[in-house]
Amino acid sequence: MRINKRKPHSGSKGLAFVMTLMLSMTLIGCEPPRILDETGLITVIGFDQLEKKRIRGTAAIPVVNSMAKQKVQIISGTETTLRGILNDLDFQLDRKPRLGQMRVAIFNEDMAKNGIIRFVGGLDRTEVGSRPYLAVVRGKSYDLVNASFQEQGNIGLYLYYSIFKNVRGEQLISPTLHEFLRAYYSEGSDPCLPYLERKGDDIKILGLALFKDDRFVDWIKPHQSFYIKLIRDQFRTGTFQTTLPKHIIKARGYPSVSPTLKVQEVPVVLDTIASKSKVKLTSVNPPAFDVEIKIRSRLSEIGIKTNLESTQVLNQLNHGIEKKMEKEMEQLIKFLQQKEIDPIGFGEQFRAQTRAEELKKEEWRKRYKQAKFTFRVHNDIIRTSITD
């Protein structure tokens, strides 16, 4: 009887070799395990400019010990680099400081005016990822991080959700690390970040900090930042408040308005805004842009009693809002041109529509100062939520 001796399957040998190799690489190449009790997870870090190019970093670290009285530990380190600051913090802690759970990094005005790309780039090369928010603070970031927000608990999460709420509500342009770097490295746009201030036991968002490259140059109020988002993005929700001059109302014959009305400006609030914008380059030298914006909104509030069932009244109201928006956008663009900053990204529109791939940022800044803009707003109040 002939017995065939079966050879081991070559595939089994290969599989065993691969598994052995992967196990070896795992054992040799992986980092030591990080035990939560031995790790200081930084949720927010603030940077302040000091003398002799030294930077103070102030970090908030949640305390995981249930017996501890303080739930957040605040420490500061001073050095000239991000890595040096983290090393300084390490010497003060019984745990290893890590940035893996960082939610927000804030920079005080003085540091932001000198440029922040070195530290932003340093954060980008650590384990923080691309999602943390960046912001500029009026005053010292040390005072903001070190403040006792007893009602809010973790200052890092409180600050993060304060910004997140306004980003989700479309009151702020999303200020993630990734978006800052994308605008910074773009040849046709500049970054912008939330501009914060500590108000007692609260944090107030004053508006939008504007950058030329990585240097903070000025800031604008929330109603102006609304126009930046309106031109460069699409709205799906959000709220906008403006005023219409009294003489426009009288001139356009609004019913139910007394000639003795004492107010000079009538407040108007729109919400549930949906918008689309179209930017068309109509001339190359000098650049000229036609910006058309279509808006559908709900009239949430108006500071006078008037007949909102009348089509004529709504048309007059739409017309007044459109002209007011166009005028304020023109004023904003002139301000941005004077500062030589382009947070809207008209330079990217110029490059895309002319295929000027070699256009550099400095060349665009020269053209941008001479550019002409025409704004055309079409507002449509599709419903109201006001009852007399």
Protein backbone atom coordinates (compact mmCIF):
# COMPACT_ATOMS: atom_id res chain seq x y z
CA MET A 1 0.00 0.00 0.00
CA ARG A 2 1.45 3.32 -1.07
CA ILE A 3 1.28 6.09 1.39
CA ASN A 4 1.69 9.71 0.15
CA LYS A 5 3.51 11.96 2.57
CA ARG A 6 1.85 15.39 2.42
CA LYS A 7 4.17 18.36 2.57
CA PRO A 8 3.25 21.32 4.80
CA HIS A 9 1.33 23.94 2.85
CA SER A 10 3.62 26.79 1.84
CA GLY A 11 0.82 29.27 2.61
CA SER A 12 0.78 28.20 6.25
CA LYS A 13 4.46 28.92 6.55
CA GLY A 14 3.99 32.36 5.02
CA LEU A 15 1.12 33.21 7.33
CA ALA A 16 3.06 32.09 10.37
CA PHE A 17 6.05 34.20 9.29
CA VAL A 18 3.92 37.32 8.81
CA MET A 19 2.24 36.90 12.19
CA THR A 20 5.59 36.40 13.91
CA LEU A 21 6.99 39.49 12.19
CA MET A 22 3.99 41.64 13.15
CA LEU A 23 4.19 40.48 16.76
CA SER A 24 7.89 41.26 16.88
CA MET A 25 7.35 44.73 15.45
CA THR A 26 4.57 45.35 17.97
CA LEU A 27 6.74 44.31 20.88
CA ILE A 28 9.77 46.25 19.68
CA GLY A 29 8.22 49.36 18.11
CA CYS A 30 5.31 50.33 20.31
CA GLU A 31 5.52 53.03 22.97
CA PRO A 32 5.24 52.15 26.63
CA PRO A 33 1.59 51.93 27.77
CA ARG A 34 0.14 55.20 29.06
CA ILE A 35 -1.72 54.78 32.30
CA LEU A 36 -4.40 57.43 32.82
CA ASP A 37 -3.41 58.09 36.43
CA GLU A 38 0.14 58.77 35.26
CA THR A 39 -0.81 61.09 32.38
CA GLY A 40 -1.68 64.78 32.54
CA LEU A 41 -4.15 65.41 29.71
CA ILE A 42 -3.99 69.10 28.79
CA THR A 43 -7.40 70.39 27.64
CA VAL A 44 -6.43 74.03 27.03
CA ILE A 45 -3.12 75.84 26.80
CA GLY A 46 -2.64 79.61 26.62
CA PHE A 47 0.45 81.43 25.40
CA ASP A 48 1.72 84.87 26.47
CA GLN A 49 4.60 86.89 25.05
CA LEU A 50 7.23 87.79 27.67
CA GLU A 51 10.52 89.67 27.45
CA LYS A 52 13.55 88.39 25.54
CA LYS A 53 11.42 86.30 23.18
CA ARG A 54 10.33 84.02 26.01
CA ILE A 55 6.84 82.54 25.95
CA ARG A 56 4.76 81.52 28.94
CA GLY A 57 2.46 78.57 28.43
CA THR A 58 -0.37 78.05 30.92
CA ALA A 59 -2.15 74.69 30.83
CA ALA A 60 -5.30 73.29 32.44
CA ILE A 61 -5.18 69.60 33.33
CA PRO A 62 -8.16 67.71 34.81
CA VAL A 63 -7.43 65.89 38.08
CA VAL A 64 -8.65 62.28 37.97
CA ASN A 65 -8.18 61.67 41.70
CA SER A 66 -11.67 61.57 43.29
CA MET A 67 -10.19 62.63 46.65
CA ALA A 68 -8.72 65.87 45.29
CA LYS A 69 -10.43 69.15 46.22
CA GLN A 70 -9.52 70.82 42.94
CA LYS A 71 -10.84 69.17 39.78
CA VAL A 72 -8.49 71.09 37.47
CA GLN A 73 -4.79 71.73 37.93
CA ILE A 74 -3.33 74.92 36.40
CA ILE A 75 0.41 75.13 35.77
CA SER A 76 2.69 77.45 33.77
CA GLY A 77 6.01 76.94 32.04
CA THR A 78 8.32 79.44 30.37
CA GLU A 79 10.63 78.87 27.41
CA THR A 80 11.21 79.98 23.83
CA THR A 81 9.72 76.87 22.15
CA LEU A 82 6.63 74.69 22.53
CA ARG A 83 8.74 71.63 23.38
CA GLY A 84 10.67 73.64 25.95
CA ILE A 85 7.41 74.77 27.62
CA LEU A 86 6.14 71.18 27.76
CA ASN A 87 9.43 70.07 29.34
CA ASP A 88 9.11 72.84 31.93
CA LEU A 89 5.58 71.67 32.73
CA ASP A 90 6.87 68.11 33.05
CA PHE A 91 9.23 69.13 35.86
CA GLN A 92 6.27 70.51 37.84
CA LEU A 93 3.94 67.52 37.53
CA ASP A 94 3.74 64.05 39.02
CA ARG A 95 2.27 62.98 35.66
CA LYS A 96 3.47 63.21 32.07
CA PRO A 97 1.83 66.19 30.29
CA ARG A 98 0.18 65.19 27.02
CA LEU A 99 -1.59 67.25 24.33
CA GLY A 100 -3.67 64.38 22.94
CA GLN A 101 -6.91 65.72 24.50
CA MET A 102 -6.25 69.42 23.90
CA ARG A 103 -9.40 71.25 22.85
CA VAL A 104 -8.28 74.90 22.56
CA ALA A 105 -5.02 76.84 22.21
CA ILE A 106 -5.19 80.59 22.84
CA PHE A 107 -2.66 83.33 22.12
CA ASN A 108 -2.55 86.74 23.74
CA GLU A 109 -2.49 89.82 21.51
CA ASP A 110 1.22 90.62 21.92
CA MET A 111 2.27 87.14 20.89
CA ALA A 112 -0.25 87.05 18.04
CA LYS A 113 1.09 90.37 16.71
CA ASN A 114 4.59 88.88 16.55
CA GLY A 115 3.45 85.78 14.68
CA ILE A 116 2.20 82.40 15.87
CA ILE A 117 3.05 80.00 13.05
CA ARG A 118 6.02 78.51 14.90
CA PHE A 119 3.79 77.43 17.78
CA VAL A 120 0.83 76.48 15.59
CA GLY A 121 3.15 74.38 13.46
CA GLY A 122 4.59 72.84 16.63
CA LEU A 123 1.09 71.85 17.77
CA ASP A 124 0.40 70.37 14.35
CA ARG A 125 3.44 68.11 14.73
CA THR A 126 2.31 66.75 18.10
CA GLU A 127 -0.49 64.30 18.86
CA VAL A 128 -3.25 66.93 18.96
CA GLY A 129 -4.52 66.24 15.45
CA SER A 130 -6.19 68.94 13.34
CA ARG A 131 -9.48 69.53 15.19
CA PRO A 132 -8.57 71.72 18.23
CA TYR A 133 -9.70 75.34 18.09
CA LEU A 134 -7.34 78.32 18.06
CA ALA A 135 -8.24 81.77 19.41
CA VAL A 136 -6.79 85.18 20.32
CA VAL A 137 -7.45 86.71 23.74
CA ARG A 138 -7.46 90.36 24.75
CA GLY A 139 -5.15 90.69 27.76
CA LYS A 140 -3.22 87.74 29.15
CA SER A 141 -4.12 84.18 28.35
CA TYR A 142 -2.72 83.29 31.80
CA ASP A 143 -5.58 85.24 33.42
CA LEU A 144 -8.19 83.48 31.31
CA VAL A 145 -6.89 79.93 31.86
CA ASN A 146 -6.15 80.58 35.53
CA ALA A 147 -9.59 82.09 36.25
CA SER A 148 -11.89 80.26 38.63
CA PHE A 149 -14.88 79.22 36.54
CA GLN A 150 -16.43 77.24 39.36
CA GLU A 151 -19.82 76.96 37.72
CA GLN A 152 -18.29 75.59 34.52
CA GLY A 153 -15.81 73.04 35.88
CA ASN A 154 -13.20 72.15 33.27
CA ILE A 155 -12.06 75.41 31.68
CA GLY A 156 -10.82 73.60 28.58
CA LEU A 157 -14.19 72.04 27.80
CA TYR A 158 -16.06 75.21 28.78
CA LEU A 159 -13.98 77.28 26.36
CA TYR A 160 -14.24 74.66 23.62
CA TYR A 161 -18.03 74.41 23.80
CA SER A 162 -18.38 78.20 24.00
CA ILE A 163 -16.70 78.40 20.59
CA PHE A 164 -18.32 75.24 19.23
CA LYS A 165 -21.83 76.53 20.05
CA ASN A 166 -21.24 79.66 17.97
CA VAL A 167 -19.63 77.73 15.12
CA ARG A 168 -22.59 75.34 15.00
CA GLY A 169 -24.99 78.30 15.16
CA GLU A 170 -23.03 79.87 12.26
CA GLN A 171 -22.11 82.94 14.28
CA LEU A 172 -18.39 82.13 13.94
CA ILE A 173 -16.16 80.80 11.17
CA SER A 174 -14.73 77.45 12.27
CA PRO A 175 -11.24 78.16 13.75
CA THR A 176 -9.62 74.71 13.80
CA LEU A 177 -5.88 74.17 13.62
CA HIS A 178 -6.30 72.63 10.17
CA GLU A 179 -8.28 75.59 8.83
CA PHE A 180 -5.78 78.12 10.17
CA LEU A 181 -2.88 76.30 8.48
CA ARG A 182 -4.80 75.93 5.22
CA ALA A 183 -5.49 79.68 5.06
CA TYR A 184 -1.92 80.51 6.14
CA TYR A 185 -0.32 78.42 3.40
CA SER A 186 -2.81 79.53 0.77
CA GLU A 187 -1.53 82.11 -1.71
CA GLY A 188 -4.93 83.78 -1.92
CA SER A 189 -6.35 84.05 1.61
CA ASP A 190 -5.51 84.89 5.23
CA PRO A 191 -6.50 83.22 8.53
CA CYS A 192 -9.01 84.52 11.07
CA LEU A 193 -9.76 83.36 14.62
CA PRO A 194 -12.23 84.13 17.43
CA TYR A 195 -11.28 87.17 19.52
CA LEU A 196 -11.97 86.54 23.22
CA GLU A 197 -12.03 88.47 26.46
CA ARG A 198 -12.48 87.40 30.05
CA LYS A 199 -15.44 89.15 31.69
CA GLY A 200 -15.44 88.27 35.39
CA ASP A 201 -16.51 84.63 35.59
CA ASP A 202 -17.49 84.49 31.93
CA ILE A 203 -15.79 84.43 28.58
CA LYS A 204 -17.03 86.83 25.92
CA ILE A 205 -16.44 86.44 22.19
CA LEU A 206 -15.79 90.00 21.04
CA GLY A 207 -15.57 89.23 17.35
CA LEU A 208 -13.10 87.96 14.77
CA ALA A 209 -9.31 88.40 14.94
CA LEU A 210 -7.81 89.09 11.50
CA PHE A 211 -4.35 87.93 10.45
CA LYS A 212 -1.89 88.98 7.78
CA ASP A 213 -0.01 85.73 7.25
CA ASP A 214 0.39 84.60 10.88
CA ARG A 215 0.36 88.06 12.49
CA PHE A 216 -2.69 89.53 14.23
CA VAL A 217 -3.38 92.97 12.76
CA ASP A 218 -6.92 93.94 13.82
CA TRP A 219 -10.36 92.61 14.67
CA ILE A 220 -13.96 93.11 13.63
CA LYS A 221 -17.29 92.86 15.45
CA PRO A 222 -19.66 89.89 15.08
CA HIS A 223 -22.04 91.61 12.64
CA GLN A 224 -19.06 92.27 10.35
CA SER A 225 -17.80 88.70 10.61
CA PHE A 226 -21.30 87.67 9.50
CA TYR A 227 -20.57 89.24 6.11
CA ILE A 228 -17.29 87.32 5.75
CA LYS A 229 -19.13 84.06 6.26
CA LEU A 230 -22.01 85.21 4.05
CA ILE A 231 -19.66 85.82 1.10
CA ARG A 232 -17.34 82.84 1.45
CA ASP A 233 -19.68 80.15 2.81
CA GLN A 234 -23.28 79.00 2.70
CA PHE A 235 -25.64 79.69 5.58
CA ARG A 236 -28.08 77.03 6.68
CA THR A 237 -29.18 78.65 9.92
CA GLY A 238 -28.01 81.56 12.03
CA THR A 239 -29.24 84.98 13.06
CA PHE A 240 -28.53 88.46 11.72
CA GLN A 241 -29.46 91.78 13.29
CA THR A 242 -29.31 95.17 11.60
CA THR A 243 -31.09 98.51 11.69
CA LEU A 244 -32.92 100.53 9.07
CA PRO A 245 -32.79 104.35 9.23
CA LYS A 246 -36.02 106.09 10.16
CA HIS A 247 -35.97 108.28 7.03
CA ILE A 248 -35.96 105.18 4.80
CA ILE A 249 -39.03 103.86 6.55
CA LYS A 250 -40.85 107.19 6.20
CA ALA A 251 -39.76 107.65 2.62
CA ARG A 252 -41.04 104.21 1.69
CA GLY A 253 -44.42 104.77 3.30
CA TYR A 254 -44.52 102.04 5.89
CA PRO A 255 -48.08 101.90 7.27
CA SER A 256 -48.65 102.23 11.01
CA VAL A 257 -45.56 104.42 11.51
CA SER A 258 -46.25 107.64 13.30
CA PRO A 259 -44.55 110.82 11.95
CA THR A 260 -43.54 111.55 15.54
CA LEU A 261 -41.61 108.27 15.88
CA LYS A 262 -38.63 109.25 18.05
CA VAL A 263 -36.20 106.44 17.21
CA GLN A 264 -33.67 107.17 14.45
CA GLU A 265 -32.84 103.52 13.71
CA VAL A 266 -35.34 100.67 13.65
CA PRO A 267 -33.89 97.25 14.65
CA VAL A 268 -34.58 94.27 12.41
CA VAL A 269 -33.69 90.65 13.22
CA LEU A 270 -33.57 87.81 10.67
CA ASP A 271 -33.07 84.18 11.58
CA THR A 272 -33.15 80.72 10.03
CA ILE A 273 -31.05 82.20 7.26
CA ALA A 274 -30.22 80.14 4.15
CA SER A 275 -27.90 81.71 1.63
CA LYS A 276 -25.86 81.10 -1.50
CA SER A 277 -23.09 83.29 -2.86
CA LYS A 278 -21.57 83.54 -6.30
CA VAL A 279 -18.29 85.38 -6.89
CA LYS A 280 -17.49 86.23 -10.52
CA LEU A 281 -14.27 87.83 -11.74
CA THR A 282 -15.27 90.47 -14.32
CA SER A 283 -11.86 92.07 -14.89
CA VAL A 284 -8.28 90.88 -14.42
CA ASN A 285 -6.24 94.09 -14.39
CA PRO A 286 -7.22 95.67 -12.12
CA PRO A 287 -9.23 92.84 -10.60
CA ALA A 288 -12.98 93.40 -10.41
CA PHE A 289 -15.42 91.06 -8.69
CA ASP A 290 -19.18 90.80 -8.93
CA VAL A 291 -20.55 89.23 -5.74
CA GLU A 292 -24.15 88.02 -5.87
CA ILE A 293 -25.77 86.76 -2.67
CA LYS A 294 -29.22 85.17 -2.45
CA ILE A 295 -30.79 84.92 0.99
CA ARG A 296 -33.96 83.30 2.28
CA SER A 297 -34.83 84.22 5.84
CA ARG A 298 -37.49 84.57 8.49
CA LEU A 299 -38.32 87.93 10.02
CA SER A 300 -37.92 87.29 13.73
CA GLU A 301 -38.23 90.82 15.11
CA ILE A 302 -38.80 94.41 14.02
CA GLY A 303 -38.81 97.49 16.22
CA ILE A 304 -42.05 98.96 14.88
CA LYS A 305 -45.64 97.86 14.50
CA THR A 306 -46.44 97.35 10.85
CA ASN A 307 -48.63 95.27 8.56
CA LEU A 308 -46.53 92.21 7.82
CA GLU A 309 -49.38 90.60 5.88
CA SER A 310 -48.85 93.17 3.14
CA THR A 311 -46.72 92.07 0.17
CA GLN A 312 -45.81 95.71 -0.44
CA VAL A 313 -44.50 96.10 3.10
CA LEU A 314 -42.39 92.95 2.87
CA ASN A 315 -40.97 94.06 -0.49
CA GLN A 316 -40.04 97.43 0.99
CA LEU A 317 -38.48 95.74 3.98
CA ASN A 318 -36.50 93.37 1.74
CA HIS A 319 -35.25 96.31 -0.30
CA GLY A 320 -34.10 98.21 2.78
CA ILE A 321 -32.24 95.15 4.13
CA GLU A 322 -30.57 94.49 0.78
CA LYS A 323 -29.25 98.04 0.45
CA LYS A 324 -28.04 98.07 4.05
CA MET A 325 -26.16 94.80 3.56
CA GLU A 326 -24.58 95.95 0.31
CA LYS A 327 -23.38 99.18 1.90
CA GLU A 328 -21.92 97.44 4.96
CA MET A 329 -20.13 94.84 2.82
CA GLU A 330 -18.58 97.62 0.74
CA GLN A 331 -17.36 99.30 3.94
CA LEU A 332 -15.93 96.04 5.25
CA ILE A 333 -14.05 95.30 2.03
CA LYS A 334 -12.49 98.78 2.01
CA PHE A 335 -11.30 98.19 5.59
CA LEU A 336 -9.80 94.81 4.66
CA GLN A 337 -8.09 96.29 1.59
CA GLN A 338 -6.50 99.01 3.71
CA LYS A 339 -5.13 96.34 6.05
CA GLU A 340 -3.98 94.24 3.05
CA ILE A 341 -5.72 91.14 4.41
CA ASP A 342 -8.01 88.74 2.59
CA PRO A 343 -9.92 86.49 5.04
CA ILE A 344 -12.66 85.94 2.46
CA GLY A 345 -10.29 84.37 -0.06
CA PHE A 346 -10.80 86.55 -3.12
CA GLY A 347 -7.23 85.67 -4.09
CA GLU A 348 -8.21 82.02 -4.41
CA GLN A 349 -11.16 83.04 -6.57
CA PHE A 350 -8.81 85.09 -8.74
CA ARG A 351 -6.36 82.20 -9.12
CA ALA A 352 -9.15 79.72 -9.90
CA GLN A 353 -10.87 81.90 -12.50
CA THR A 354 -7.65 83.02 -14.25
CA ARG A 355 -5.69 79.80 -13.70
CA ALA A 356 -2.87 81.91 -12.35
CA GLU A 357 -1.15 79.04 -10.56
CA GLU A 358 2.08 81.01 -10.12
CA LEU A 359 0.43 83.96 -8.38
CA LYS A 360 2.16 84.53 -5.03
CA LYS A 361 0.63 86.07 -1.95
CA GLU A 362 2.66 89.30 -2.06
CA GLU A 363 1.71 89.87 -5.69
CA TRP A 364 -1.94 89.24 -4.83
CA ARG A 365 -1.79 91.78 -1.98
CA LYS A 366 -0.76 94.48 -4.46
CA ARG A 367 -3.60 93.59 -6.82
CA TYR A 368 -6.07 93.22 -3.96
CA LYS A 369 -5.57 96.84 -2.86
CA GLN A 370 -6.62 98.00 -6.34
CA ALA A 371 -9.50 95.55 -6.76
CA LYS A 372 -13.08 96.73 -7.32
CA PHE A 373 -16.13 95.01 -5.86
CA THR A 374 -19.82 95.10 -6.71
CA PHE A 375 -22.25 93.55 -4.25
CA ARG A 376 -25.76 92.50 -5.18
CA VAL A 377 -27.94 91.10 -2.39
CA HIS A 378 -31.32 89.47 -2.98
CA ASN A 379 -33.16 88.92 0.28
CA ASP A 380 -36.44 87.02 0.44
CA ILE A 381 -38.40 86.99 3.68
CA ILE A 382 -40.30 83.74 3.25
CA ARG A 383 -42.16 83.86 6.55
CA THR A 384 -42.45 85.82 9.76
CA SER A 385 -42.74 84.77 13.39
CA ILE A 386 -44.24 88.07 14.60
CA THR A 387 -47.79 88.58 15.72
CA ASP A 388 -49.25 91.99 16.51
